[in-house]
Amino acid sequence: MDNRYGAHETCDLHEITAFKALCLTKSKTMQALVEDPELKALLQTDIEQSTRQLKELDSLLANSVH
């Protein structure tokens, strides 16, 4: 099975990865600034999920190399 993607799909993966990385950075920054424990917990959950998602996106990008 060929796991390679077209140029447009690879570009989309790069855009999604960049956006997700930006969201992760924002969540980490905001977590340091907020004092509400419930909001801190939500941000921590987002950080963990985003980290996992970025690893998955990285593996997809690794398969997109032509």
PDB file of N, CA and C in Angstrom:
ATOM      1  N   MET A   1       0.845  -1.186   0.000  1.00  0.00           N
ATOM      2  CA  MET A   1       0.000   0.000   0.000  1.00  0.00           C
ATOM      3  C   MET A   1       0.886   1.244   0.000  1.00  0.00           C
ATOM      4  N   ASP A   2       0.577   2.173  -0.851  1.00  0.00           N
ATOM      5  CA  ASP A   2       1.367   3.397  -0.970  1.00  0.00           C
ATOM      6  C   ASP A   2       0.834   4.437   0.015  1.00  0.00           C
ATOM      7  N   ASN A   3       1.689   4.843   0.977  1.00  0.00           N
ATOM      8  CA  ASN A   3       1.288   5.815   1.996  1.00  0.00           C
ATOM      9  C   ASN A   3       1.687   7.228   1.634  1.00  0.00           C
ATOM     10  N   ARG A   4       2.129   7.436   0.414  1.00  0.00           N
ATOM     11  CA  ARG A   4       2.547   8.781   0.019  1.00  0.00           C
ATOM     12  C   ARG A   4       1.330   9.625  -0.321  1.00  0.00           C
ATOM     13  N   TYR A   5       1.479  10.914  -0.095  1.00  0.00           N
ATOM     14  CA  TYR A   5       0.389  11.854  -0.352  1.00  0.00           C
ATOM     15  C   TYR A   5       0.768  12.782  -1.494  1.00  0.00           C
ATOM     16  N   GLY A   6      -0.239  13.364  -2.100  1.00  0.00           N
ATOM     17  CA  GLY A   6       0.007  14.343  -3.140  1.00  0.00           C
ATOM     18  C   GLY A   6       0.543  15.629  -2.544  1.00  0.00           C
ATOM     19  N   ALA A   7       1.000  16.511  -3.431  1.00  0.00           N
ATOM     20  CA  ALA A   7       1.581  17.782  -2.978  1.00  0.00           C
ATOM     21  C   ALA A   7       0.567  18.598  -2.178  1.00  0.00           C
ATOM     22  N   HIS A   8      -0.669  18.628  -2.637  1.00  0.00           N
ATOM     23  CA  HIS A   8      -1.698  19.413  -1.938  1.00  0.00           C
ATOM     24  C   HIS A   8      -1.981  18.828  -0.554  1.00  0.00           C
ATOM     25  N   GLU A   9      -2.038  17.503  -0.461  1.00  0.00           N
ATOM     26  CA  GLU A   9      -2.277  16.867   0.830  1.00  0.00           C
ATOM     27  C   GLU A   9      -1.123  17.114   1.796  1.00  0.00           C
ATOM     28  N   THR A  10       0.093  17.051   1.277  1.00  0.00           N
ATOM     29  CA  THR A  10       1.267  17.315   2.109  1.00  0.00           C
ATOM     30  C   THR A  10       1.261  18.759   2.604  1.00  0.00           C
ATOM     31  N   CYS A  11       0.901  19.680   1.731  1.00  0.00           N
ATOM     32  CA  CYS A  11       0.806  21.091   2.118  1.00  0.00           C
ATOM     33  C   CYS A  11      -0.247  21.268   3.212  1.00  0.00           C
ATOM     34  N   ASP A  12      -1.387  20.599   3.057  1.00  0.00           N
ATOM     35  CA  ASP A  12      -2.440  20.670   4.074  1.00  0.00           C
ATOM     36  C   ASP A  12      -1.948  20.132   5.415  1.00  0.00           C
ATOM     37  N   LEU A  13      -1.210  19.018   5.378  1.00  0.00           N
ATOM     38  CA  LEU A  13      -0.669  18.458   6.613  1.00  0.00           C
ATOM     39  C   LEU A  13       0.284  19.436   7.291  1.00  0.00           C
ATOM     40  N   HIS A  14       1.103  20.124   6.507  1.00  0.00           N
ATOM     41  CA  HIS A  14       2.017  21.131   7.071  1.00  0.00           C
ATOM     42  C   HIS A  14       1.231  22.276   7.707  1.00  0.00           C
ATOM     43  N   GLU A  15       0.187  22.721   7.047  1.00  0.00           N
ATOM     44  CA  GLU A  15      -0.628  23.819   7.591  1.00  0.00           C
ATOM     45  C   GLU A  15      -1.315  23.402   8.886  1.00  0.00           C
ATOM     46  N   ILE A  16      -1.862  22.197   8.920  1.00  0.00           N
ATOM     47  CA  ILE A  16      -2.530  21.708  10.129  1.00  0.00           C
ATOM     48  C   ILE A  16      -1.525  21.576  11.266  1.00  0.00           C
ATOM     49  N   THR A  17      -0.343  21.068  10.953  1.00  0.00           N
ATOM     50  CA  THR A  17       0.707  20.900  11.965  1.00  0.00           C
ATOM     51  C   THR A  17       1.137  22.251  12.532  1.00  0.00           C
ATOM     52  N   ALA A  18       1.321  23.220  11.666  1.00  0.00           N
ATOM     53  CA  ALA A  18       1.719  24.559  12.126  1.00  0.00           C
ATOM     54  C   ALA A  18       0.637  25.169  13.013  1.00  0.00           C
ATOM     55  N   PHE A  19      -0.623  25.028  12.609  1.00  0.00           N
ATOM     56  CA  PHE A  19      -1.723  25.575  13.400  1.00  0.00           C
ATOM     57  C   PHE A  19      -1.806  24.880  14.755  1.00  0.00           C
ATOM     58  N   LYS A  20      -1.673  23.547  14.761  1.00  0.00           N
ATOM     59  CA  LYS A  20      -1.760  22.790  16.009  1.00  0.00           C
ATOM     60  C   LYS A  20      -0.604  23.160  16.944  1.00  0.00           C
ATOM     61  N   ALA A  21       0.585  23.385  16.377  1.00  0.00           N
ATOM     62  CA  ALA A  21       1.731  23.790  17.192  1.00  0.00           C
ATOM     63  C   ALA A  21       1.486  25.166  17.817  1.00  0.00           C
ATOM     64  N   LEU A  22       0.886  26.057  17.058  1.00  0.00           N
ATOM     65  CA  LEU A  22       0.555  27.377  17.586  1.00  0.00           C
ATOM     66  C   LEU A  22      -0.456  27.267  18.724  1.00  0.00           C
ATOM     67  N   CYS A  23      -1.468  26.423  18.542  1.00  0.00           N
ATOM     68  CA  CYS A  23      -2.471  26.215  19.594  1.00  0.00           C
ATOM     69  C   CYS A  23      -1.828  25.638  20.856  1.00  0.00           C
ATOM     70  N   LEU A  24      -0.893  24.719  20.672  1.00  0.00           N
ATOM     71  CA  LEU A  24      -0.201  24.125  21.813  1.00  0.00           C
ATOM     72  C   LEU A  24       0.598  25.183  22.569  1.00  0.00           C
ATOM     73  N   THR A  25       1.290  26.024  21.844  1.00  0.00           N
ATOM     74  CA  THR A  25       2.063  27.106  22.459  1.00  0.00           C
ATOM     75  C   THR A  25       1.149  28.038  23.251  1.00  0.00           C
ATOM     76  N   LYS A  26       0.008  28.357  22.668  1.00  0.00           N
ATOM     77  CA  LYS A  26      -0.932  29.255  23.343  1.00  0.00           C
ATOM     78  C   LYS A  26      -1.479  28.615  24.620  1.00  0.00           C
ATOM     79  N   SER A  27      -1.822  27.333  24.554  1.00  0.00           N
ATOM     80  CA  SER A  27      -2.346  26.655  25.745  1.00  0.00           C
ATOM     81  C   SER A  27      -1.301  26.608  26.853  1.00  0.00           C
ATOM     82  N   LYS A  28      -0.048  26.325  26.490  1.00  0.00           N
ATOM     83  CA  LYS A  28       1.020  26.286  27.499  1.00  0.00           C
ATOM     84  C   LYS A  28       1.225  27.659  28.132  1.00  0.00           C
ATOM     85  N   THR A  29       1.182  28.699  27.307  1.00  0.00           N
ATOM     86  CA  THR A  29       1.365  30.059  27.818  1.00  0.00           C
ATOM     87  C   THR A  29       0.211  30.458  28.728  1.00  0.00           C
ATOM     88  N   MET A  30      -1.004  30.181  28.284  1.00  0.00           N
ATOM     89  CA  MET A  30      -2.178  30.559  29.070  1.00  0.00           C
ATOM     90  C   MET A  30      -2.246  29.779  30.378  1.00  0.00           C
ATOM     91  N   GLN A  31      -1.823  28.520  30.352  1.00  0.00           N
ATOM     92  CA  GLN A  31      -1.860  27.719  31.571  1.00  0.00           C
ATOM     93  C   GLN A  31      -0.987  28.338  32.660  1.00  0.00           C
ATOM     94  N   ALA A  32       0.118  28.923  32.250  1.00  0.00           N
ATOM     95  CA  ALA A  32       1.011  29.564  33.226  1.00  0.00           C
ATOM     96  C   ALA A  32       0.401  30.844  33.795  1.00  0.00           C
ATOM     97  N   LEU A  33      -0.542  31.439  33.066  1.00  0.00           N
ATOM     98  CA  LEU A  33      -1.114  32.716  33.490  1.00  0.00           C
ATOM     99  C   LEU A  33      -2.408  32.602  34.290  1.00  0.00           C
ATOM    100  N   VAL A  34      -3.169  31.525  34.072  1.00  0.00           N
ATOM    101  CA  VAL A  34      -4.466  31.414  34.742  1.00  0.00           C
ATOM    102  C   VAL A  34      -4.313  30.889  36.158  1.00  0.00           C
ATOM    103  N   GLU A  35      -5.261  31.254  36.998  1.00  0.00           N
ATOM    104  CA  GLU A  35      -5.227  30.816  38.384  1.00  0.00           C
ATOM    105  C   GLU A  35      -6.349  29.841  38.711  1.00  0.00           C
ATOM    106  N   ASP A  36      -7.401  29.819  37.908  1.00  0.00           N
ATOM    107  CA  ASP A  36      -8.526  28.929  38.160  1.00  0.00           C
ATOM    108  C   ASP A  36      -8.100  27.472  37.937  1.00  0.00           C
ATOM    109  N   PRO A  37      -8.249  26.624  38.956  1.00  0.00           N
ATOM    110  CA  PRO A  37      -7.793  25.233  38.840  1.00  0.00           C
ATOM    111  C   PRO A  37      -8.535  24.447  37.748  1.00  0.00           C
ATOM    112  N   GLU A  38      -9.802  24.735  37.561  1.00  0.00           N
ATOM    113  CA  GLU A  38     -10.587  24.034  36.544  1.00  0.00           C
ATOM    114  C   GLU A  38     -10.084  24.389  35.137  1.00  0.00           C
ATOM    115  N   LEU A  39      -9.810  25.657  34.936  1.00  0.00           N
ATOM    116  CA  LEU A  39      -9.294  26.102  33.644  1.00  0.00           C
ATOM    117  C   LEU A  39      -7.884  25.554  33.417  1.00  0.00           C
ATOM    118  N   LYS A  40      -7.060  25.524  34.473  1.00  0.00           N
ATOM    119  CA  LYS A  40      -5.726  24.942  34.356  1.00  0.00           C
ATOM    120  C   LYS A  40      -5.810  23.473  33.938  1.00  0.00           C
ATOM    121  N   ALA A  41      -6.774  22.750  34.515  1.00  0.00           N
ATOM    122  CA  ALA A  41      -6.944  21.332  34.185  1.00  0.00           C
ATOM    123  C   ALA A  41      -7.374  21.163  32.718  1.00  0.00           C
ATOM    124  N   LEU A  42      -8.268  22.026  32.266  1.00  0.00           N
ATOM    125  CA  LEU A  42      -8.695  21.970  30.861  1.00  0.00           C
ATOM    126  C   LEU A  42      -7.528  22.251  29.921  1.00  0.00           C
ATOM    127  N   LEU A  43      -6.740  23.235  30.274  1.00  0.00           N
ATOM    128  CA  LEU A  43      -5.580  23.556  29.451  1.00  0.00           C
ATOM    129  C   LEU A  43      -4.567  22.415  29.459  1.00  0.00           C
ATOM    130  N   GLN A  44      -4.399  21.761  30.598  1.00  0.00           N
ATOM    131  CA  GLN A  44      -3.475  20.623  30.677  1.00  0.00           C
ATOM    132  C   GLN A  44      -3.959  19.484  29.785  1.00  0.00           C
ATOM    133  N   THR A  45      -5.253  19.229  29.787  1.00  0.00           N
ATOM    134  CA  THR A  45      -5.823  18.202  28.911  1.00  0.00           C
ATOM    135  C   THR A  45      -5.591  18.561  27.451  1.00  0.00           C
ATOM    136  N   ASP A  46      -5.782  19.823  27.105  1.00  0.00           N
ATOM    137  CA  ASP A  46      -5.546  20.276  25.739  1.00  0.00           C
ATOM    138  C   ASP A  46      -4.082  20.111  25.347  1.00  0.00           C
ATOM    139  N   ILE A  47      -3.183  20.414  26.257  1.00  0.00           N
ATOM    140  CA  ILE A  47      -1.740  20.275  26.005  1.00  0.00           C
ATOM    141  C   ILE A  47      -1.392  18.816  25.721  1.00  0.00           C
ATOM    142  N   GLU A  48      -1.921  17.922  26.533  1.00  0.00           N
ATOM    143  CA  GLU A  48      -1.636  16.499  26.346  1.00  0.00           C
ATOM    144  C   GLU A  48      -2.202  15.990  25.021  1.00  0.00           C
ATOM    145  N   GLN A  49      -3.429  16.374  24.696  1.00  0.00           N
ATOM    146  CA  GLN A  49      -4.047  15.944  23.439  1.00  0.00           C
ATOM    147  C   GLN A  49      -3.317  16.530  22.238  1.00  0.00           C
ATOM    148  N   SER A  50      -2.983  17.784  22.326  1.00  0.00           N
ATOM    149  CA  SER A  50      -2.280  18.434  21.212  1.00  0.00           C
ATOM    150  C   SER A  50      -0.913  17.810  20.974  1.00  0.00           C
ATOM    151  N   THR A  51      -0.230  17.452  22.048  1.00  0.00           N
ATOM    152  CA  THR A  51       1.076  16.804  21.921  1.00  0.00           C
ATOM    153  C   THR A  51       0.938  15.466  21.201  1.00  0.00           C
ATOM    154  N   ARG A  52      -0.064  14.680  21.593  1.00  0.00           N
ATOM    155  CA  ARG A  52      -0.311  13.398  20.911  1.00  0.00           C
ATOM    156  C   ARG A  52      -0.665  13.612  19.440  1.00  0.00           C
ATOM    157  N   GLN A  53      -1.515  14.600  19.178  1.00  0.00           N
ATOM    158  CA  GLN A  53      -1.935  14.873  17.804  1.00  0.00           C
ATOM    159  C   GLN A  53      -0.761  15.329  16.942  1.00  0.00           C
ATOM    160  N   LEU A  54       0.128  16.129  17.504  1.00  0.00           N
ATOM    161  CA  LEU A  54       1.305  16.565  16.748  1.00  0.00           C
ATOM    162  C   LEU A  54       2.222  15.387  16.412  1.00  0.00           C
ATOM    163  N   LYS A  55       2.342  14.434  17.318  1.00  0.00           N
ATOM    164  CA  LYS A  55       3.133  13.239  17.029  1.00  0.00           C
ATOM    165  C   LYS A  55       2.501  12.449  15.880  1.00  0.00           C
ATOM    166  N   GLU A  56       1.181  12.346  15.888  1.00  0.00           N
ATOM    167  CA  GLU A  56       0.480  11.647  14.809  1.00  0.00           C
ATOM    168  C   GLU A  56       0.667  12.380  13.481  1.00  0.00           C
ATOM    169  N   LEU A  57       0.555  13.694  13.516  1.00  0.00           N
ATOM    170  CA  LEU A  57       0.759  14.473  12.297  1.00  0.00           C
ATOM    171  C   LEU A  57       2.188  14.329  11.788  1.00  0.00           C
ATOM    172  N   ASP A  58       3.153  14.304  12.692  1.00  0.00           N
ATOM    173  CA  ASP A  58       4.550  14.104  12.295  1.00  0.00           C
ATOM    174  C   ASP A  58       4.739  12.763  11.586  1.00  0.00           C
ATOM    175  N   SER A  59       4.072  11.716  12.103  1.00  0.00           N
ATOM    176  CA  SER A  59       4.206  10.416  11.446  1.00  0.00           C
ATOM    177  C   SER A  59       3.544  10.434  10.071  1.00  0.00           C
ATOM    178  N   LEU A  60       2.455  11.145   9.928  1.00  0.00           N
ATOM    179  CA  LEU A  60       1.822  11.275   8.607  1.00  0.00           C
ATOM    180  C   LEU A  60       2.734  12.021   7.645  1.00  0.00           C
ATOM    181  N   LEU A  61       3.360  13.067   8.151  1.00  0.00           N
ATOM    182  CA  LEU A  61       4.287  13.839   7.296  1.00  0.00           C
ATOM    183  C   LEU A  61       5.506  13.002   6.906  1.00  0.00           C
ATOM    184  N   ALA A  62       5.950  12.137   7.805  1.00  0.00           N
ATOM    185  CA  ALA A  62       7.087  11.286   7.479  1.00  0.00           C
ATOM    186  C   ALA A  62       6.737  10.343   6.322  1.00  0.00           C
ATOM    187  N   ASN A  63       5.469   9.939   6.262  1.00  0.00           N
ATOM    188  CA  ASN A  63       5.019   9.062   5.174  1.00  0.00           C
ATOM    189  C   ASN A  63       4.751   9.815   3.882  1.00  0.00           C
ATOM    190  N   SER A  64       4.739  11.128   3.941  1.00  0.00           N
ATOM    191  CA  SER A  64       4.391  11.907   2.748  1.00  0.00           C
ATOM    192  C   SER A  64       5.597  12.218   1.877  1.00  0.00           C
ATOM    193  N   VAL A  65       6.783  11.851   2.342  1.00  0.00           N
ATOM    194  CA  VAL A  65       8.003  12.124   1.588  1.00  0.00           C
ATOM    195  C   VAL A  65       7.974  11.339   0.289  1.00  0.00           C
ATOM    196  N   HIS A  66       8.250  12.033  -0.804  1.00  0.00           N
ATOM    197  CA  HIS A  66       8.217  11.374  -2.119  1.00  0.00           C
ATOM    198  C   HIS A  66       9.551  10.797  -2.455  1.00  0.00           C
TER     199      HIS A  66
END
